[in-house]
Amino acid sequence: AQQEGLRVRTGYWNIKGKPIAILVDFSHYISEK
């Protein structure tokens, strides 16, 4: 994903059950809006 220019973080949503969460940073797309 990094090689493809995607900005993501993996981890867990800190709630009951703690499902996997991927957080997506889209700020670098502002210049391409």
PDB file of all heavy atoms in Angstrom:
ATOM      1  N   ALA A   1       0.823  -1.201   0.000  1.00  0.00           N
ATOM      2  CA  ALA A   1       0.000   0.000   0.000  1.00  0.00           C
ATOM      3  C   ALA A   1       0.862   1.258   0.000  1.00  0.00           C
ATOM      4  O   ALA A   1       0.575   2.235  -0.706  1.00  0.00           O
ATOM      5  CB  ALA A   1      -0.941  -0.010   1.210  1.00  0.00           C
ATOM      6  N   GLN A   2       1.934   1.228   0.786  1.00  0.00           N
ATOM      7  CA  GLN A   2       2.858   2.370   0.808  1.00  0.00           C
ATOM      8  C   GLN A   2       3.470   2.596  -0.567  1.00  0.00           C
ATOM      9  O   GLN A   2       3.580   3.733  -1.033  1.00  0.00           O
ATOM     10  CB  GLN A   2       3.962   2.130   1.828  1.00  0.00           C
ATOM     11  CG  GLN A   2       3.580   2.505   3.247  1.00  0.00           C
ATOM     12  CD  GLN A   2       4.805   2.480   4.156  1.00  0.00           C
ATOM     13  OE1 GLN A   2       5.752   1.730   3.942  1.00  0.00           O
ATOM     14  NE2 GLN A   2       4.777   3.303   5.196  1.00  0.00           N
ATOM     15  N   GLN A   3       3.875   1.523  -1.211  1.00  0.00           N
ATOM     16  CA  GLN A   3       4.455   1.623  -2.544  1.00  0.00           C
ATOM     17  C   GLN A   3       3.456   2.207  -3.544  1.00  0.00           C
ATOM     18  O   GLN A   3       3.845   2.870  -4.503  1.00  0.00           O
ATOM     19  CB  GLN A   3       4.925   0.245  -3.018  1.00  0.00           C
ATOM     20  CG  GLN A   3       6.084  -0.329  -2.226  1.00  0.00           C
ATOM     21  CD  GLN A   3       6.398  -1.764  -2.623  1.00  0.00           C
ATOM     22  OE1 GLN A   3       5.925  -2.253  -3.641  1.00  0.00           O
ATOM     23  NE2 GLN A   3       7.200  -2.447  -1.816  1.00  0.00           N
ATOM     24  N   GLU A   4       2.175   1.946  -3.306  1.00  0.00           N
ATOM     25  CA  GLU A   4       1.135   2.453  -4.203  1.00  0.00           C
ATOM     26  C   GLU A   4       0.711   3.878  -3.856  1.00  0.00           C
ATOM     27  O   GLU A   4      -0.184   4.433  -4.488  1.00  0.00           O
ATOM     28  CB  GLU A   4      -0.071   1.519  -4.151  1.00  0.00           C
ATOM     29  CG  GLU A   4       0.213   0.135  -4.717  1.00  0.00           C
ATOM     30  CD  GLU A   4      -0.937  -0.832  -4.515  1.00  0.00           C
ATOM     31  OE1 GLU A   4      -1.885  -0.498  -3.761  1.00  0.00           O
ATOM     32  OE2 GLU A   4      -0.907  -1.927  -5.098  1.00  0.00           O
ATOM     33  N   GLY A   5       1.332   4.448  -2.837  1.00  0.00           N
ATOM     34  CA  GLY A   5       1.007   5.824  -2.462  1.00  0.00           C
ATOM     35  C   GLY A   5      -0.204   5.963  -1.564  1.00  0.00           C
ATOM     36  O   GLY A   5      -0.710   7.071  -1.374  1.00  0.00           O
ATOM     37  N   LEU A   6      -0.657   4.846  -0.991  1.00  0.00           N
ATOM     38  CA  LEU A   6      -1.795   4.883  -0.083  1.00  0.00           C
ATOM     39  C   LEU A   6      -1.304   5.115   1.342  1.00  0.00           C
ATOM     40  O   LEU A   6      -0.270   4.583   1.738  1.00  0.00           O
ATOM     41  CB  LEU A   6      -2.580   3.571  -0.155  1.00  0.00           C
ATOM     42  CG  LEU A   6      -3.105   3.188  -1.537  1.00  0.00           C
ATOM     43  CD1 LEU A   6      -3.730   1.800  -1.509  1.00  0.00           C
ATOM     44  CD2 LEU A   6      -4.110   4.218  -2.040  1.00  0.00           C
ATOM     45  N   ARG A   7      -2.031   5.907   2.092  1.00  0.00           N
ATOM     46  CA  ARG A   7      -1.654   6.219   3.467  1.00  0.00           C
ATOM     47  C   ARG A   7      -2.673   5.582   4.404  1.00  0.00           C
ATOM     48  O   ARG A   7      -3.796   6.081   4.551  1.00  0.00           O
ATOM     49  CB  ARG A   7      -1.591   7.729   3.680  1.00  0.00           C
ATOM     50  CG  ARG A   7      -0.548   8.422   2.798  1.00  0.00           C
ATOM     51  CD  ARG A   7      -0.508   9.910   3.073  1.00  0.00           C
ATOM     52  NE  ARG A   7       0.445  10.604   2.215  1.00  0.00           N
ATOM     53  CZ  ARG A   7       0.650  11.922   2.230  1.00  0.00           C
ATOM     54  NH1 ARG A   7      -0.039  12.683   3.089  1.00  0.00           N
ATOM     55  NH2 ARG A   7       1.518  12.474   1.418  1.00  0.00           N
ATOM     56  N   VAL A   8      -2.286   4.463   5.000  1.00  0.00           N
ATOM     57  CA  VAL A   8      -3.201   3.732   5.870  1.00  0.00           C
ATOM     58  C   VAL A   8      -2.489   3.310   7.146  1.00  0.00           C
ATOM     59  O   VAL A   8      -1.263   3.181   7.168  1.00  0.00           O
ATOM     60  CB  VAL A   8      -3.762   2.478   5.164  1.00  0.00           C
ATOM     61  CG1 VAL A   8      -4.609   2.859   3.972  1.00  0.00           C
ATOM     62  CG2 VAL A   8      -2.646   1.537   4.743  1.00  0.00           C
ATOM     63  N   ARG A   9      -3.278   3.111   8.182  1.00  0.00           N
ATOM     64  CA  ARG A   9      -2.780   2.523   9.425  1.00  0.00           C
ATOM     65  C   ARG A   9      -3.700   1.369   9.796  1.00  0.00           C
ATOM     66  O   ARG A   9      -4.934   1.474   9.647  1.00  0.00           O
ATOM     67  CB  ARG A   9      -2.758   3.559  10.551  1.00  0.00           C
ATOM     68  CG  ARG A   9      -1.715   4.652  10.358  1.00  0.00           C
ATOM     69  CD  ARG A   9      -1.468   5.413  11.653  1.00  0.00           C
ATOM     70  NE  ARG A   9      -2.608   6.227  12.043  1.00  0.00           N
ATOM     71  CZ  ARG A   9      -2.838   6.635  13.292  1.00  0.00           C
ATOM     72  NH1 ARG A   9      -2.018   6.268  14.271  1.00  0.00           N
ATOM     73  NH2 ARG A   9      -3.883   7.390  13.577  1.00  0.00           N
ATOM     74  N   THR A  10      -3.110   0.272  10.258  1.00  0.00           N
ATOM     75  CA  THR A  10      -3.895  -0.878  10.673  1.00  0.00           C
ATOM     76  C   THR A  10      -3.860  -1.011  12.184  1.00  0.00           C
ATOM     77  O   THR A  10      -2.891  -0.634  12.839  1.00  0.00           O
ATOM     78  CB  THR A  10      -3.341  -2.179  10.049  1.00  0.00           C
ATOM     79  OG1 THR A  10      -1.949  -2.312  10.397  1.00  0.00           O
ATOM     80  CG2 THR A  10      -3.483  -2.168   8.543  1.00  0.00           C
ATOM     81  N   GLY A  11      -4.934  -1.559  12.717  1.00  0.00           N
ATOM     82  CA  GLY A  11      -5.011  -1.757  14.160  1.00  0.00           C
ATOM     83  C   GLY A  11      -6.385  -2.260  14.547  1.00  0.00           C
ATOM     84  O   GLY A  11      -7.033  -2.987  13.783  1.00  0.00           O
ATOM     85  N   TYR A  12      -6.843  -1.835  15.720  1.00  0.00           N
ATOM     86  CA  TYR A  12      -8.127  -2.287  16.243  1.00  0.00           C
ATOM     87  C   TYR A  12      -8.951  -1.092  16.705  1.00  0.00           C
ATOM     88  O   TYR A  12      -8.421  -0.128  17.265  1.00  0.00           O
ATOM     89  CB  TYR A  12      -7.918  -3.256  17.413  1.00  0.00           C
ATOM     90  CG  TYR A  12      -7.188  -4.522  17.001  1.00  0.00           C
ATOM     91  CD1 TYR A  12      -5.799  -4.606  17.131  1.00  0.00           C
ATOM     92  CD2 TYR A  12      -7.879  -5.603  16.465  1.00  0.00           C
ATOM     93  CE1 TYR A  12      -5.127  -5.753  16.747  1.00  0.00           C
ATOM     94  CE2 TYR A  12      -7.210  -6.749  16.072  1.00  0.00           C
ATOM     95  CZ  TYR A  12      -5.833  -6.824  16.212  1.00  0.00           C
ATOM     96  OH  TYR A  12      -5.162  -7.954  15.807  1.00  0.00           O
ATOM     97  N   TRP A  13     -10.239  -1.180  16.458  1.00  0.00           N
ATOM     98  CA  TRP A  13     -11.169  -0.176  16.960  1.00  0.00           C
ATOM     99  C   TRP A  13     -11.361  -0.467  18.443  1.00  0.00           C
ATOM    100  O   TRP A  13     -11.770  -1.572  18.821  1.00  0.00           O
ATOM    101  CB  TRP A  13     -12.478  -0.283  16.197  1.00  0.00           C
ATOM    102  CG  TRP A  13     -13.460   0.822  16.464  1.00  0.00           C
ATOM    103  CD1 TRP A  13     -13.348   1.856  17.346  1.00  0.00           C
ATOM    104  CD2 TRP A  13     -14.724   0.979  15.808  1.00  0.00           C
ATOM    105  NE1 TRP A  13     -14.458   2.667  17.285  1.00  0.00           N
ATOM    106  CE2 TRP A  13     -15.323   2.152  16.364  1.00  0.00           C
ATOM    107  CE3 TRP A  13     -15.403   0.261  14.839  1.00  0.00           C
ATOM    108  CZ2 TRP A  13     -16.576   2.599  15.948  1.00  0.00           C
ATOM    109  CZ3 TRP A  13     -16.649   0.710  14.427  1.00  0.00           C
ATOM    110  CH2 TRP A  13     -17.232   1.870  14.970  1.00  0.00           C
ATOM    111  N   ASN A  14     -11.057   0.476  19.289  1.00  0.00           N
ATOM    112  CA  ASN A  14     -11.028   0.269  20.733  1.00  0.00           C
ATOM    113  C   ASN A  14     -12.436   0.336  21.337  1.00  0.00           C
ATOM    114  O   ASN A  14     -12.775   1.231  22.109  1.00  0.00           O
ATOM    115  CB  ASN A  14     -10.107   1.307  21.391  1.00  0.00           C
ATOM    116  CG  ASN A  14      -9.799   0.946  22.835  1.00  0.00           C
ATOM    117  OD1 ASN A  14      -9.897  -0.200  23.233  1.00  0.00           O
ATOM    118  ND2 ASN A  14      -9.419   1.949  23.617  1.00  0.00           N
ATOM    119  N   ILE A  15     -13.241  -0.651  20.944  1.00  0.00           N
ATOM    120  CA  ILE A  15     -14.586  -0.805  21.464  1.00  0.00           C
ATOM    121  C   ILE A  15     -14.763  -2.271  21.843  1.00  0.00           C
ATOM    122  O   ILE A  15     -13.865  -3.085  21.621  1.00  0.00           O
ATOM    123  CB  ILE A  15     -15.653  -0.411  20.420  1.00  0.00           C
ATOM    124  CG1 ILE A  15     -15.443  -1.226  19.142  1.00  0.00           C
ATOM    125  CG2 ILE A  15     -15.630   1.086  20.141  1.00  0.00           C
ATOM    126  CD1 ILE A  15     -16.528  -1.044  18.103  1.00  0.00           C
ATOM    127  N   LYS A  16     -15.911  -2.613  22.411  1.00  0.00           N
ATOM    128  CA  LYS A  16     -16.181  -3.998  22.744  1.00  0.00           C
ATOM    129  C   LYS A  16     -16.095  -4.857  21.479  1.00  0.00           C
ATOM    130  O   LYS A  16     -16.662  -4.520  20.439  1.00  0.00           O
ATOM    131  CB  LYS A  16     -17.573  -4.123  23.360  1.00  0.00           C
ATOM    132  CG  LYS A  16     -17.893  -5.520  23.876  1.00  0.00           C
ATOM    133  CD  LYS A  16     -19.257  -5.547  24.544  1.00  0.00           C
ATOM    134  CE  LYS A  16     -19.580  -6.943  25.052  1.00  0.00           C
ATOM    135  NZ  LYS A  16     -20.916  -6.988  25.716  1.00  0.00           N
ATOM    136  N   GLY A  17     -15.372  -5.950  21.555  1.00  0.00           N
ATOM    137  CA  GLY A  17     -15.174  -6.805  20.393  1.00  0.00           C
ATOM    138  C   GLY A  17     -13.895  -6.504  19.644  1.00  0.00           C
ATOM    139  O   GLY A  17     -13.364  -7.354  18.949  1.00  0.00           O
ATOM    140  N   LYS A  18     -13.430  -5.254  19.749  1.00  0.00           N
ATOM    141  CA  LYS A  18     -12.176  -4.809  19.130  1.00  0.00           C
ATOM    142  C   LYS A  18     -11.976  -5.358  17.702  1.00  0.00           C
ATOM    143  O   LYS A  18     -11.042  -6.114  17.430  1.00  0.00           O
ATOM    144  CB  LYS A  18     -10.984  -5.167  20.008  1.00  0.00           C
ATOM    145  CG  LYS A  18     -10.934  -4.338  21.301  1.00  0.00           C
ATOM    146  CD  LYS A  18      -9.691  -4.597  22.102  1.00  0.00           C
ATOM    147  CE  LYS A  18      -9.523  -3.574  23.216  1.00  0.00           C
ATOM    148  NZ  LYS A  18     -10.686  -3.423  24.097  1.00  0.00           N
ATOM    149  N   PRO A  19     -12.849  -4.943  16.771  1.00  0.00           N
ATOM    150  CA  PRO A  19     -12.670  -5.388  15.390  1.00  0.00           C
ATOM    151  C   PRO A  19     -11.448  -4.726  14.756  1.00  0.00           C
ATOM    152  O   PRO A  19     -11.004  -3.655  15.194  1.00  0.00           O
ATOM    153  CB  PRO A  19     -13.953  -4.915  14.702  1.00  0.00           C
ATOM    154  CG  PRO A  19     -14.378  -3.711  15.494  1.00  0.00           C
ATOM    155  CD  PRO A  19     -14.002  -4.029  16.918  1.00  0.00           C
ATOM    156  N   ILE A  20     -10.924  -5.362  13.733  1.00  0.00           N
ATOM    157  CA  ILE A  20      -9.829  -4.752  12.976  1.00  0.00           C
ATOM    158  C   ILE A  20     -10.312  -3.447  12.362  1.00  0.00           C
ATOM    159  O   ILE A  20     -11.445  -3.334  11.889  1.00  0.00           O
ATOM    160  CB  ILE A  20      -9.333  -5.706  11.876  1.00  0.00           C
ATOM    161  CG1 ILE A  20      -8.586  -6.891  12.496  1.00  0.00           C
ATOM    162  CG2 ILE A  20      -8.427  -4.990  10.878  1.00  0.00           C
ATOM    163  CD1 ILE A  20      -8.147  -7.927  11.497  1.00  0.00           C
ATOM    164  N   ALA A  21      -9.449  -2.450  12.378  1.00  0.00           N
ATOM    165  CA  ALA A  21      -9.767  -1.163  11.771  1.00  0.00           C
ATOM    166  C   ALA A  21      -8.618  -0.730  10.866  1.00  0.00           C
ATOM    167  O   ALA A  21      -7.441  -0.913  11.206  1.00  0.00           O
ATOM    168  CB  ALA A  21     -10.025  -0.102  12.843  1.00  0.00           C
ATOM    169  N   ILE A  22      -8.973  -0.199   9.729  1.00  0.00           N
ATOM    170  CA  ILE A  22      -8.010   0.459   8.849  1.00  0.00           C
ATOM    171  C   ILE A  22      -8.394   1.929   8.786  1.00  0.00           C
ATOM    172  O   ILE A  22      -9.530   2.264   8.419  1.00  0.00           O
ATOM    173  CB  ILE A  22      -8.018  -0.143   7.431  1.00  0.00           C
ATOM    174  CG1 ILE A  22      -7.590  -1.608   7.451  1.00  0.00           C
ATOM    175  CG2 ILE A  22      -7.111   0.663   6.498  1.00  0.00           C
ATOM    176  CD1 ILE A  22      -7.670  -2.299   6.093  1.00  0.00           C
ATOM    177  N   LEU A  23      -7.482   2.784   9.198  1.00  0.00           N
ATOM    178  CA  LEU A  23      -7.722   4.223   9.094  1.00  0.00           C
ATOM    179  C   LEU A  23      -7.041   4.753   7.838  1.00  0.00           C
ATOM    180  O   LEU A  23      -5.883   4.422   7.556  1.00  0.00           O
ATOM    181  CB  LEU A  23      -7.196   4.952  10.330  1.00  0.00           C
ATOM    182  CG  LEU A  23      -7.884   4.612  11.660  1.00  0.00           C
ATOM    183  CD1 LEU A  23      -7.439   5.584  12.745  1.00  0.00           C
ATOM    184  CD2 LEU A  23      -9.408   4.622  11.527  1.00  0.00           C
ATOM    185  N   VAL A  24      -7.777   5.581   7.106  1.00  0.00           N
ATOM    186  CA  VAL A  24      -7.332   6.059   5.804  1.00  0.00           C
ATOM    187  C   VAL A  24      -7.075   7.561   5.866  1.00  0.00           C
ATOM    188  O   VAL A  24      -7.977   8.346   6.173  1.00  0.00           O
ATOM    189  CB  VAL A  24      -8.381   5.758   4.718  1.00  0.00           C
ATOM    190  CG1 VAL A  24      -7.921   6.268   3.362  1.00  0.00           C
ATOM    191  CG2 VAL A  24      -8.660   4.255   4.662  1.00  0.00           C
ATOM    192  N   ASP A  25      -5.849   7.950   5.595  1.00  0.00           N
ATOM    193  CA  ASP A  25      -5.475   9.359   5.480  1.00  0.00           C
ATOM    194  C   ASP A  25      -5.630   9.759   4.015  1.00  0.00           C
ATOM    195  O   ASP A  25      -4.951   9.228   3.141  1.00  0.00           O
ATOM    196  CB  ASP A  25      -4.028   9.551   5.948  1.00  0.00           C
ATOM    197  CG  ASP A  25      -3.519  10.975   5.717  1.00  0.00           C
ATOM    198  OD1 ASP A  25      -4.328  11.868   5.388  1.00  0.00           O
ATOM    199  OD2 ASP A  25      -2.298  11.172   5.852  1.00  0.00           O
ATOM    200  N   PHE A  26      -6.546  10.683   3.758  1.00  0.00           N
ATOM    201  CA  PHE A  26      -6.815  11.105   2.379  1.00  0.00           C
ATOM    202  C   PHE A  26      -6.328  12.520   2.103  1.00  0.00           C
ATOM    203  O   PHE A  26      -6.596  13.089   1.038  1.00  0.00           O
ATOM    204  CB  PHE A  26      -8.314  11.007   2.085  1.00  0.00           C
ATOM    205  CG  PHE A  26      -9.181  11.798   3.048  1.00  0.00           C
ATOM    206  CD1 PHE A  26      -9.538  13.110   2.769  1.00  0.00           C
ATOM    207  CD2 PHE A  26      -9.621  11.231   4.233  1.00  0.00           C
ATOM    208  CE1 PHE A  26     -10.329  13.839   3.648  1.00  0.00           C
ATOM    209  CE2 PHE A  26     -10.402  11.953   5.127  1.00  0.00           C
ATOM    210  CZ  PHE A  26     -10.762  13.265   4.831  1.00  0.00           C
ATOM    211  N   SER A  27      -5.582  13.094   3.050  1.00  0.00           N
ATOM    212  CA  SER A  27      -5.196  14.504   2.929  1.00  0.00           C
ATOM    213  C   SER A  27      -4.317  14.769   1.707  1.00  0.00           C
ATOM    214  O   SER A  27      -4.344  15.868   1.139  1.00  0.00           O
ATOM    215  CB  SER A  27      -4.477  14.971   4.202  1.00  0.00           C
ATOM    216  OG  SER A  27      -3.296  14.218   4.426  1.00  0.00           O
ATOM    217  N   HIS A  28      -3.519  13.768   1.288  1.00  0.00           N
ATOM    218  CA  HIS A  28      -2.632  13.994   0.147  1.00  0.00           C
ATOM    219  C   HIS A  28      -3.396  14.082  -1.169  1.00  0.00           C
ATOM    220  O   HIS A  28      -2.829  14.491  -2.177  1.00  0.00           O
ATOM    221  CB  HIS A  28      -1.583  12.877   0.063  1.00  0.00           C
ATOM    222  CG  HIS A  28      -2.149  11.501  -0.058  1.00  0.00           C
ATOM    223  ND1 HIS A  28      -2.962  10.944   0.905  1.00  0.00           N
ATOM    224  CD2 HIS A  28      -2.022  10.553  -1.025  1.00  0.00           C
ATOM    225  CE1 HIS A  28      -3.299   9.714   0.543  1.00  0.00           C
ATOM    226  NE2 HIS A  28      -2.748   9.464  -0.627  1.00  0.00           N
ATOM    227  N   TYR A  29      -4.681  13.710  -1.148  1.00  0.00           N
ATOM    228  CA  TYR A  29      -5.483  13.819  -2.367  1.00  0.00           C
ATOM    229  C   TYR A  29      -6.048  15.228  -2.568  1.00  0.00           C
ATOM    230  O   TYR A  29      -6.646  15.508  -3.608  1.00  0.00           O
ATOM    231  CB  TYR A  29      -6.632  12.812  -2.344  1.00  0.00           C
ATOM    232  CG  TYR A  29      -6.199  11.388  -2.608  1.00  0.00           C
ATOM    233  CD1 TYR A  29      -6.510  10.368  -1.716  1.00  0.00           C
ATOM    234  CD2 TYR A  29      -5.481  11.055  -3.748  1.00  0.00           C
ATOM    235  CE1 TYR A  29      -6.113   9.066  -1.929  1.00  0.00           C
ATOM    236  CE2 TYR A  29      -5.072   9.758  -3.986  1.00  0.00           C
ATOM    237  CZ  TYR A  29      -5.392   8.759  -3.076  1.00  0.00           C
ATOM    238  OH  TYR A  29      -5.002   7.469  -3.309  1.00  0.00           O
ATOM    239  N   ILE A  30      -5.870  16.081  -1.560  1.00  0.00           N
ATOM    240  CA  ILE A  30      -6.404  17.449  -1.702  1.00  0.00           C
ATOM    241  C   ILE A  30      -5.784  18.148  -2.907  1.00  0.00           C
ATOM    242  O   ILE A  30      -6.475  18.859  -3.661  1.00  0.00           O
ATOM    243  CB  ILE A  30      -6.162  18.258  -0.408  1.00  0.00           C
ATOM    244  CG1 ILE A  30      -6.989  17.674   0.739  1.00  0.00           C
ATOM    245  CG2 ILE A  30      -6.513  19.730  -0.614  1.00  0.00           C
ATOM    246  CD1 ILE A  30      -6.716  18.296   2.092  1.00  0.00           C
ATOM    247  N   SER A  31      -4.500  17.918  -3.121  1.00  0.00           N
ATOM    248  CA  SER A  31      -3.835  18.555  -4.270  1.00  0.00           C
ATOM    249  C   SER A  31      -4.319  17.989  -5.603  1.00  0.00           C
ATOM    250  O   SER A  31      -4.100  18.600  -6.651  1.00  0.00           O
ATOM    251  CB  SER A  31      -2.311  18.377  -4.153  1.00  0.00           C
ATOM    252  OG  SER A  31      -1.969  16.997  -4.173  1.00  0.00           O
ATOM    253  N   GLU A  32      -4.990  16.845  -5.558  1.00  0.00           N
ATOM    254  CA  GLU A  32      -5.503  16.217  -6.774  1.00  0.00           C
ATOM    255  C   GLU A  32      -7.024  16.305  -6.867  1.00  0.00           C
ATOM    256  O   GLU A  32      -7.654  15.616  -7.672  1.00  0.00           O
ATOM    257  CB  GLU A  32      -5.089  14.739  -6.818  1.00  0.00           C
ATOM    258  CG  GLU A  32      -3.598  14.494  -6.776  1.00  0.00           C
ATOM    259  CD  GLU A  32      -3.278  13.006  -6.694  1.00  0.00           C
ATOM    260  OE1 GLU A  32      -4.010  12.197  -7.293  1.00  0.00           O
ATOM    261  OE2 GLU A  32      -2.298  12.652  -6.007  1.00  0.00           O
ATOM    262  N   LYS A  33      -7.619  17.166  -6.050  1.00  0.00           N
ATOM    263  CA  LYS A  33      -9.078  17.166  -5.952  1.00  0.00           C
ATOM    264  C   LYS A  33      -9.763  17.469  -7.280  1.00  0.00           C
ATOM    265  O   LYS A  33     -10.812  16.878  -7.589  1.00  0.00           O
ATOM    266  CB  LYS A  33      -9.562  18.128  -4.871  1.00  0.00           C
ATOM    267  CG  LYS A  33      -9.335  19.604  -5.126  1.00  0.00           C
ATOM    268  CD  LYS A  33      -9.854  20.429  -3.960  1.00  0.00           C
ATOM    269  CE  LYS A  33      -9.625  21.910  -4.160  1.00  0.00           C
ATOM    270  NZ  LYS A  33     -10.374  22.460  -5.323  1.00  0.00           N
TER     271      LYS A  33
END
